[in-house]
Amino acid sequence: MWKKFNVKEVEECVDIIAYSPSFIDEEYNPRGIRIGYLQLGVFHSARFKESYRDSLIDFFEDEPNTDALPEEYMEIPKT
């Protein structure tokens, strides 16, 4: 079940499933969902980036998402 994202309620440094319209990329992430974690008020997640050095190399990079926090999130189910 999705919950509204609130920095004060989300446990830090614990992976979550997150959604934000700003995460949407029509080619690589059309649903706008990422796995990431909150640390010191900054949401860290992997996002697709194209290399500017070599246009043939595409990769994912873990970096702070400084443009937006998720709007909604879910805990990752424990097995």
PDB file of N, CA and C in Angstrom:
ATOM      1  N   MET A   1       0.831  -1.168   0.000  1.00  0.00           N
ATOM      2  CA  MET A   1       0.000   0.000   0.000  1.00  0.00           C
ATOM      3  C   MET A   1       0.889   1.250   0.000  1.00  0.00           C
ATOM      4  N   TRP A   2       0.640   2.176  -0.917  1.00  0.00           N
ATOM      5  CA  TRP A   2       1.408   3.411  -0.990  1.00  0.00           C
ATOM      6  C   TRP A   2       1.080   4.322   0.185  1.00  0.00           C
ATOM      7  N   LYS A   3       2.113   4.999   0.691  1.00  0.00           N
ATOM      8  CA  LYS A   3       1.966   5.971   1.770  1.00  0.00           C
ATOM      9  C   LYS A   3       2.499   7.316   1.281  1.00  0.00           C
ATOM     10  N   LYS A   4       1.955   8.408   1.801  1.00  0.00           N
ATOM     11  CA  LYS A   4       2.493   9.733   1.487  1.00  0.00           C
ATOM     12  C   LYS A   4       3.896   9.838   2.064  1.00  0.00           C
ATOM     13  N   PHE A   5       4.841  10.342   1.282  1.00  0.00           N
ATOM     14  CA  PHE A   5       6.220  10.471   1.726  1.00  0.00           C
ATOM     15  C   PHE A   5       6.348  11.674   2.651  1.00  0.00           C
ATOM     16  N   ASN A   6       6.913  11.441   3.818  1.00  0.00           N
ATOM     17  CA  ASN A   6       7.157  12.493   4.795  1.00  0.00           C
ATOM     18  C   ASN A   6       8.538  12.242   5.397  1.00  0.00           C
ATOM     19  N   VAL A   7       9.449  13.171   5.227  1.00  0.00           N
ATOM     20  CA  VAL A   7      10.834  13.009   5.687  1.00  0.00           C
ATOM     21  C   VAL A   7      10.891  12.632   7.162  1.00  0.00           C
ATOM     22  N   LYS A   8       9.999  13.161   7.973  1.00  0.00           N
ATOM     23  CA  LYS A   8      10.017  12.897   9.409  1.00  0.00           C
ATOM     24  C   LYS A   8       9.540  11.486   9.756  1.00  0.00           C
ATOM     25  N   GLU A   9       8.787  10.844   8.863  1.00  0.00           N
ATOM     26  CA  GLU A   9       8.230   9.523   9.161  1.00  0.00           C
ATOM     27  C   GLU A   9       9.010   8.369   8.536  1.00  0.00           C
ATOM     28  N   VAL A  10       9.791   8.641   7.489  1.00  0.00           N
ATOM     29  CA  VAL A  10      10.524   7.586   6.791  1.00  0.00           C
ATOM     30  C   VAL A  10      11.811   7.277   7.546  1.00  0.00           C
ATOM     31  N   GLU A  11      12.046   6.008   7.806  1.00  0.00           N
ATOM     32  CA  GLU A  11      13.266   5.598   8.513  1.00  0.00           C
ATOM     33  C   GLU A  11      14.476   5.821   7.616  1.00  0.00           C
ATOM     34  N   GLU A  12      15.507   6.432   8.149  1.00  0.00           N
ATOM     35  CA  GLU A  12      16.705   6.725   7.368  1.00  0.00           C
ATOM     36  C   GLU A  12      17.515   5.470   7.076  1.00  0.00           C
ATOM     37  N   CYS A  13      18.169   5.476   5.927  1.00  0.00           N
ATOM     38  CA  CYS A  13      19.108   4.430   5.488  1.00  0.00           C
ATOM     39  C   CYS A  13      18.457   3.058   5.357  1.00  0.00           C
ATOM     40  N   VAL A  14      17.169   3.023   5.104  1.00  0.00           N
ATOM     41  CA  VAL A  14      16.445   1.776   4.859  1.00  0.00           C
ATOM     42  C   VAL A  14      15.851   1.878   3.456  1.00  0.00           C
ATOM     43  N   ASP A  15      16.137   0.894   2.609  1.00  0.00           N
ATOM     44  CA  ASP A  15      15.620   0.917   1.243  1.00  0.00           C
ATOM     45  C   ASP A  15      14.097   0.930   1.222  1.00  0.00           C
ATOM     46  N   ILE A  16      13.554   1.746   0.312  1.00  0.00           N
ATOM     47  CA  ILE A  16      12.113   1.823   0.100  1.00  0.00           C
ATOM     48  C   ILE A  16      11.838   1.831  -1.400  1.00  0.00           C
ATOM     49  N   ILE A  17      10.606   1.556  -1.763  1.00  0.00           N
ATOM     50  CA  ILE A  17      10.134   1.710  -3.130  1.00  0.00           C
ATOM     51  C   ILE A  17       9.487   3.092  -3.186  1.00  0.00           C
ATOM     52  N   ALA A  18       9.914   3.931  -4.103  1.00  0.00           N
ATOM     53  CA  ALA A  18       9.466   5.323  -4.123  1.00  0.00           C
ATOM     54  C   ALA A  18       8.888   5.697  -5.483  1.00  0.00           C
ATOM     55  N   TYR A  19       7.929   6.621  -5.454  1.00  0.00           N
ATOM     56  CA  TYR A  19       7.320   7.138  -6.683  1.00  0.00           C
ATOM     57  C   TYR A  19       7.320   8.669  -6.670  1.00  0.00           C
ATOM     58  N   SER A  20       7.603   9.240  -7.821  1.00  0.00           N
ATOM     59  CA  SER A  20       7.453  10.673  -8.032  1.00  0.00           C
ATOM     60  C   SER A  20       7.277  10.911  -9.527  1.00  0.00           C
ATOM     61  N   PRO A  21       6.425  11.841  -9.911  1.00  0.00           N
ATOM     62  CA  PRO A  21       6.326  12.165 -11.333  1.00  0.00           C
ATOM     63  C   PRO A  21       7.670  12.638 -11.904  1.00  0.00           C
ATOM     64  N   SER A  22       8.519  13.238 -11.065  1.00  0.00           N
ATOM     65  CA  SER A  22       9.825  13.702 -11.551  1.00  0.00           C
ATOM     66  C   SER A  22      10.764  12.533 -11.868  1.00  0.00           C
ATOM     67  N   PHE A  23      10.448  11.326 -11.397  1.00  0.00           N
ATOM     68  CA  PHE A  23      11.266  10.152 -11.707  1.00  0.00           C
ATOM     69  C   PHE A  23      10.912   9.562 -13.075  1.00  0.00           C
ATOM     70  N   ILE A  24       9.821  10.011 -13.668  1.00  0.00           N
ATOM     71  CA  ILE A  24       9.362   9.431 -14.936  1.00  0.00           C
ATOM     72  C   ILE A  24      10.306   9.796 -16.060  1.00  0.00           C
ATOM     73  N   ASP A  25      10.717   8.779 -16.790  1.00  0.00           N
ATOM     74  CA  ASP A  25      11.462   8.932 -18.036  1.00  0.00           C
ATOM     75  C   ASP A  25      10.750   8.012 -19.021  1.00  0.00           C
ATOM     76  N   GLU A  26      10.194   8.561 -20.073  1.00  0.00           N
ATOM     77  CA  GLU A  26       9.349   7.785 -20.983  1.00  0.00           C
ATOM     78  C   GLU A  26      10.045   6.536 -21.528  1.00  0.00           C
ATOM     79  N   GLU A  27      11.348   6.584 -21.721  1.00  0.00           N
ATOM     80  CA  GLU A  27      12.067   5.445 -22.288  1.00  0.00           C
ATOM     81  C   GLU A  27      12.553   4.462 -21.228  1.00  0.00           C
ATOM     82  N   TYR A  28      13.061   4.950 -20.099  1.00  0.00           N
ATOM     83  CA  TYR A  28      13.729   4.082 -19.137  1.00  0.00           C
ATOM     84  C   TYR A  28      12.963   3.852 -17.842  1.00  0.00           C
ATOM     85  N   ASN A  29      12.050   4.725 -17.484  1.00  0.00           N
ATOM     86  CA  ASN A  29      11.297   4.561 -16.243  1.00  0.00           C
ATOM     87  C   ASN A  29       9.901   5.184 -16.393  1.00  0.00           C
ATOM     88  N   PRO A  30       9.068   4.600 -17.265  1.00  0.00           N
ATOM     89  CA  PRO A  30       7.765   5.210 -17.542  1.00  0.00           C
ATOM     90  C   PRO A  30       6.809   5.211 -16.350  1.00  0.00           C
ATOM     91  N   ARG A  31       7.036   4.368 -15.347  1.00  0.00           N
ATOM     92  CA  ARG A  31       6.158   4.323 -14.177  1.00  0.00           C
ATOM     93  C   ARG A  31       6.619   5.251 -13.052  1.00  0.00           C
ATOM     94  N   GLY A  32       7.811   5.797 -13.144  1.00  0.00           N
ATOM     95  CA  GLY A  32       8.299   6.750 -12.145  1.00  0.00           C
ATOM     96  C   GLY A  32       8.593   6.127 -10.792  1.00  0.00           C
ATOM     97  N   ILE A  33       9.044   4.871 -10.791  1.00  0.00           N
ATOM     98  CA  ILE A  33       9.313   4.154  -9.539  1.00  0.00           C
ATOM     99  C   ILE A  33      10.809   3.888  -9.427  1.00  0.00           C
ATOM    100  N   ARG A  34      11.353   4.138  -8.241  1.00  0.00           N
ATOM    101  CA  ARG A  34      12.760   3.847  -7.952  1.00  0.00           C
ATOM    102  C   ARG A  34      12.873   3.185  -6.585  1.00  0.00           C
ATOM    103  N   ILE A  35      13.952   2.447  -6.388  1.00  0.00           N
ATOM    104  CA  ILE A  35      14.306   1.956  -5.066  1.00  0.00           C
ATOM    105  C   ILE A  35      15.424   2.860  -4.565  1.00  0.00           C
ATOM    106  N   GLY A  36      15.296   3.296  -3.327  1.00  0.00           N
ATOM    107  CA  GLY A  36      16.310   4.182  -2.775  1.00  0.00           C
ATOM    108  C   GLY A  36      16.165   4.281  -1.272  1.00  0.00           C
ATOM    109  N   TYR A  37      16.877   5.241  -0.685  1.00  0.00           N
ATOM    110  CA  TYR A  37      16.834   5.413   0.767  1.00  0.00           C
ATOM    111  C   TYR A  37      17.010   6.892   1.095  1.00  0.00           C
ATOM    112  N   LEU A  38      16.541   7.253   2.261  1.00  0.00           N
ATOM    113  CA  LEU A  38      16.644   8.612   2.761  1.00  0.00           C
ATOM    114  C   LEU A  38      17.826   8.697   3.710  1.00  0.00           C
ATOM    115  N   GLN A  39      18.654   9.717   3.539  1.00  0.00           N
ATOM    116  CA  GLN A  39      19.779   9.931   4.447  1.00  0.00           C
ATOM    117  C   GLN A  39      19.967  11.430   4.647  1.00  0.00           C
ATOM    118  N   LEU A  40      19.824  11.876   5.880  1.00  0.00           N
ATOM    119  CA  LEU A  40      19.964  13.288   6.241  1.00  0.00           C
ATOM    120  C   LEU A  40      19.067  14.185   5.388  1.00  0.00           C
ATOM    121  N   GLY A  41      17.854  13.714   5.142  1.00  0.00           N
ATOM    122  CA  GLY A  41      16.873  14.503   4.407  1.00  0.00           C
ATOM    123  C   GLY A  41      17.024  14.495   2.900  1.00  0.00           C
ATOM    124  N   VAL A  42      17.986  13.724   2.379  1.00  0.00           N
ATOM    125  CA  VAL A  42      18.210  13.631   0.936  1.00  0.00           C
ATOM    126  C   VAL A  42      17.866  12.219   0.488  1.00  0.00           C
ATOM    127  N   PHE A  43      17.082  12.104  -0.589  1.00  0.00           N
ATOM    128  CA  PHE A  43      16.712  10.793  -1.125  1.00  0.00           C
ATOM    129  C   PHE A  43      17.770  10.353  -2.127  1.00  0.00           C
ATOM    130  N   HIS A  44      18.360   9.182  -1.901  1.00  0.00           N
ATOM    131  CA  HIS A  44      19.378   8.608  -2.786  1.00  0.00           C
ATOM    132  C   HIS A  44      18.745   7.460  -3.565  1.00  0.00           C
ATOM    133  N   SER A  45      18.952   7.458  -4.880  1.00  0.00           N
ATOM    134  CA  SER A  45      18.433   6.361  -5.699  1.00  0.00           C
ATOM    135  C   SER A  45      19.236   6.266  -6.985  1.00  0.00           C
ATOM    136  N   ALA A  46      19.116   5.131  -7.635  1.00  0.00           N
ATOM    137  CA  ALA A  46      19.777   4.957  -8.922  1.00  0.00           C
ATOM    138  C   ALA A  46      18.880   5.528 -10.004  1.00  0.00           C
ATOM    139  N   ARG A  47      19.466   6.270 -10.909  1.00  0.00           N
ATOM    140  CA  ARG A  47      18.697   6.780 -12.029  1.00  0.00           C
ATOM    141  C   ARG A  47      19.523   6.663 -13.295  1.00  0.00           C
ATOM    142  N   PHE A  48      18.844   6.575 -14.425  1.00  0.00           N
ATOM    143  CA  PHE A  48      19.517   6.413 -15.700  1.00  0.00           C
ATOM    144  C   PHE A  48      20.197   7.712 -16.104  1.00  0.00           C
ATOM    145  N   LYS A  49      21.415   7.588 -16.577  1.00  0.00           N
ATOM    146  CA  LYS A  49      22.138   8.734 -17.131  1.00  0.00           C
ATOM    147  C   LYS A  49      22.837   8.295 -18.405  1.00  0.00           C
ATOM    148  N   GLU A  50      22.948   9.196 -19.338  1.00  0.00           N
ATOM    149  CA  GLU A  50      23.727   8.915 -20.539  1.00  0.00           C
ATOM    150  C   GLU A  50      25.108   9.527 -20.367  1.00  0.00           C
ATOM    151  N   SER A  51      26.098   8.788 -20.790  1.00  0.00           N
ATOM    152  CA  SER A  51      27.463   9.289 -20.690  1.00  0.00           C
ATOM    153  C   SER A  51      27.682  10.379 -21.728  1.00  0.00           C
ATOM    154  N   TYR A  52      28.246  11.501 -21.310  1.00  0.00           N
ATOM    155  CA  TYR A  52      28.549  12.570 -22.252  1.00  0.00           C
ATOM    156  C   TYR A  52      29.864  12.314 -22.976  1.00  0.00           C
ATOM    157  N   ARG A  53      30.671  11.399 -22.445  1.00  0.00           N
ATOM    158  CA  ARG A  53      31.956  11.107 -23.080  1.00  0.00           C
ATOM    159  C   ARG A  53      31.800  10.148 -24.249  1.00  0.00           C
ATOM    160  N   ASP A  54      30.864   9.226 -24.136  1.00  0.00           N
ATOM    161  CA  ASP A  54      30.670   8.220 -25.175  1.00  0.00           C
ATOM    162  C   ASP A  54      29.184   7.955 -25.294  1.00  0.00           C
ATOM    163  N   SER A  55      28.565   8.437 -26.339  1.00  0.00           N
ATOM    164  CA  SER A  55      27.119   8.321 -26.479  1.00  0.00           C
ATOM    165  C   SER A  55      26.655   6.874 -26.632  1.00  0.00           C
ATOM    166  N   LEU A  56      27.568   5.934 -26.842  1.00  0.00           N
ATOM    167  CA  LEU A  56      27.183   4.529 -26.969  1.00  0.00           C
ATOM    168  C   LEU A  56      27.072   3.840 -25.613  1.00  0.00           C
ATOM    169  N   ILE A  57      27.588   4.468 -24.569  1.00  0.00           N
ATOM    170  CA  ILE A  57      27.573   3.858 -23.235  1.00  0.00           C
ATOM    171  C   ILE A  57      26.454   4.486 -22.418  1.00  0.00           C
ATOM    172  N   ASP A  58      25.540   3.651 -21.950  1.00  0.00           N
ATOM    173  CA  ASP A  58      24.484   4.094 -21.052  1.00  0.00           C
ATOM    174  C   ASP A  58      24.713   3.395 -19.723  1.00  0.00           C
ATOM    175  N   PHE A  59      24.384   4.047 -18.620  1.00  0.00           N
ATOM    176  CA  PHE A  59      24.608   3.428 -17.327  1.00  0.00           C
ATOM    177  C   PHE A  59      23.658   4.000 -16.290  1.00  0.00           C
ATOM    178  N   PHE A  60      23.576   3.318 -15.173  1.00  0.00           N
ATOM    179  CA  PHE A  60      22.807   3.798 -14.043  1.00  0.00           C
ATOM    180  C   PHE A  60      23.789   4.270 -12.986  1.00  0.00           C
ATOM    181  N   GLU A  61      23.425   5.311 -12.270  1.00  0.00           N
ATOM    182  CA  GLU A  61      24.334   5.878 -11.289  1.00  0.00           C
ATOM    183  C   GLU A  61      23.565   6.180 -10.008  1.00  0.00           C
ATOM    184  N   ASP A  62      24.154   5.866  -8.892  1.00  0.00           N
ATOM    185  CA  ASP A  62      23.550   6.185  -7.597  1.00  0.00           C
ATOM    186  C   ASP A  62      24.018   7.570  -7.204  1.00  0.00           C
ATOM    187  N   GLU A  63      23.070   8.464  -7.019  1.00  0.00           N
ATOM    188  CA  GLU A  63      23.437   9.814  -6.614  1.00  0.00           C
ATOM    189  C   GLU A  63      22.266  10.442  -5.877  1.00  0.00           C
ATOM    190  N   PRO A  64      22.540  11.424  -5.046  1.00  0.00           N
ATOM    191  CA  PRO A  64      21.430  12.081  -4.355  1.00  0.00           C
ATOM    192  C   PRO A  64      20.461  12.698  -5.351  1.00  0.00           C
ATOM    193  N   ASN A  65      19.186  12.537  -5.088  1.00  0.00           N
ATOM    194  CA  ASN A  65      18.173  13.155  -5.932  1.00  0.00           C
ATOM    195  C   ASN A  65      17.892  14.535  -5.350  1.00  0.00           C
ATOM    196  N   THR A  66      18.578  15.524  -5.867  1.00  0.00           N
ATOM    197  CA  THR A  66      18.438  16.866  -5.316  1.00  0.00           C
ATOM    198  C   THR A  66      17.278  17.625  -5.944  1.00  0.00           C
ATOM    199  N   ASP A  67      16.708  17.088  -7.033  1.00  0.00           N
ATOM    200  CA  ASP A  67      15.627  17.807  -7.688  1.00  0.00           C
ATOM    201  C   ASP A  67      14.271  17.563  -7.041  1.00  0.00           C
ATOM    202  N   ALA A  68      14.067  16.414  -6.398  1.00  0.00           N
ATOM    203  CA  ALA A  68      12.756  16.144  -5.799  1.00  0.00           C
ATOM    204  C   ALA A  68      12.823  14.966  -4.838  1.00  0.00           C
ATOM    205  N   LEU A  69      11.979  15.020  -3.849  1.00  0.00           N
ATOM    206  CA  LEU A  69      11.765  13.875  -2.979  1.00  0.00           C
ATOM    207  C   LEU A  69      10.598  13.082  -3.543  1.00  0.00           C
ATOM    208  N   PRO A  70      10.489  11.799  -3.199  1.00  0.00           N
ATOM    209  CA  PRO A  70       9.334  11.026  -3.657  1.00  0.00           C
ATOM    210  C   PRO A  70       8.037  11.629  -3.111  1.00  0.00           C
ATOM    211  N   GLU A  71       6.958  11.398  -3.822  1.00  0.00           N
ATOM    212  CA  GLU A  71       5.643  11.810  -3.327  1.00  0.00           C
ATOM    213  C   GLU A  71       5.005  10.698  -2.501  1.00  0.00           C
ATOM    214  N   GLU A  72       5.270   9.449  -2.900  1.00  0.00           N
ATOM    215  CA  GLU A  72       4.709   8.298  -2.206  1.00  0.00           C
ATOM    216  C   GLU A  72       5.781   7.225  -2.075  1.00  0.00           C
ATOM    217  N   TYR A  73       5.578   6.314  -1.121  1.00  0.00           N
ATOM    218  CA  TYR A  73       6.552   5.238  -0.944  1.00  0.00           C
ATOM    219  C   TYR A  73       5.879   4.003  -0.351  1.00  0.00           C
ATOM    220  N   MET A  74       6.592   2.879  -0.431  1.00  0.00           N
ATOM    221  CA  MET A  74       6.207   1.623   0.207  1.00  0.00           C
ATOM    222  C   MET A  74       7.447   1.019   0.811  1.00  0.00           C
ATOM    223  N   GLU A  75       7.262   0.331   1.943  1.00  0.00           N
ATOM    224  CA  GLU A  75       8.361  -0.445   2.470  1.00  0.00           C
ATOM    225  C   GLU A  75       8.567  -1.662   1.571  1.00  0.00           C
ATOM    226  N   ILE A  76       9.794  -2.141   1.488  1.00  0.00           N
ATOM    227  CA  ILE A  76      10.073  -3.362   0.736  1.00  0.00           C
ATOM    228  C   ILE A  76       9.678  -4.528   1.627  1.00  0.00           C
ATOM    229  N   PRO A  77       8.832  -5.442   1.106  1.00  0.00           N
ATOM    230  CA  PRO A  77       8.383  -6.565   1.937  1.00  0.00           C
ATOM    231  C   PRO A  77       9.561  -7.416   2.408  1.00  0.00           C
ATOM    232  N   LYS A  78       9.473  -7.869   3.636  1.00  0.00           N
ATOM    233  CA  LYS A  78      10.503  -8.784   4.168  1.00  0.00           C
ATOM    234  C   LYS A  78      10.139 -10.187   3.735  1.00  0.00           C
ATOM    235  N   THR A  79      11.155 -10.974   3.391  1.00  0.00           N
ATOM    236  CA  THR A  79      10.865 -12.343   2.956  1.00  0.00           C
ATOM    237  C   THR A  79      10.856 -13.297   4.110  1.00  0.00           C
TER     238      THR A  79
END
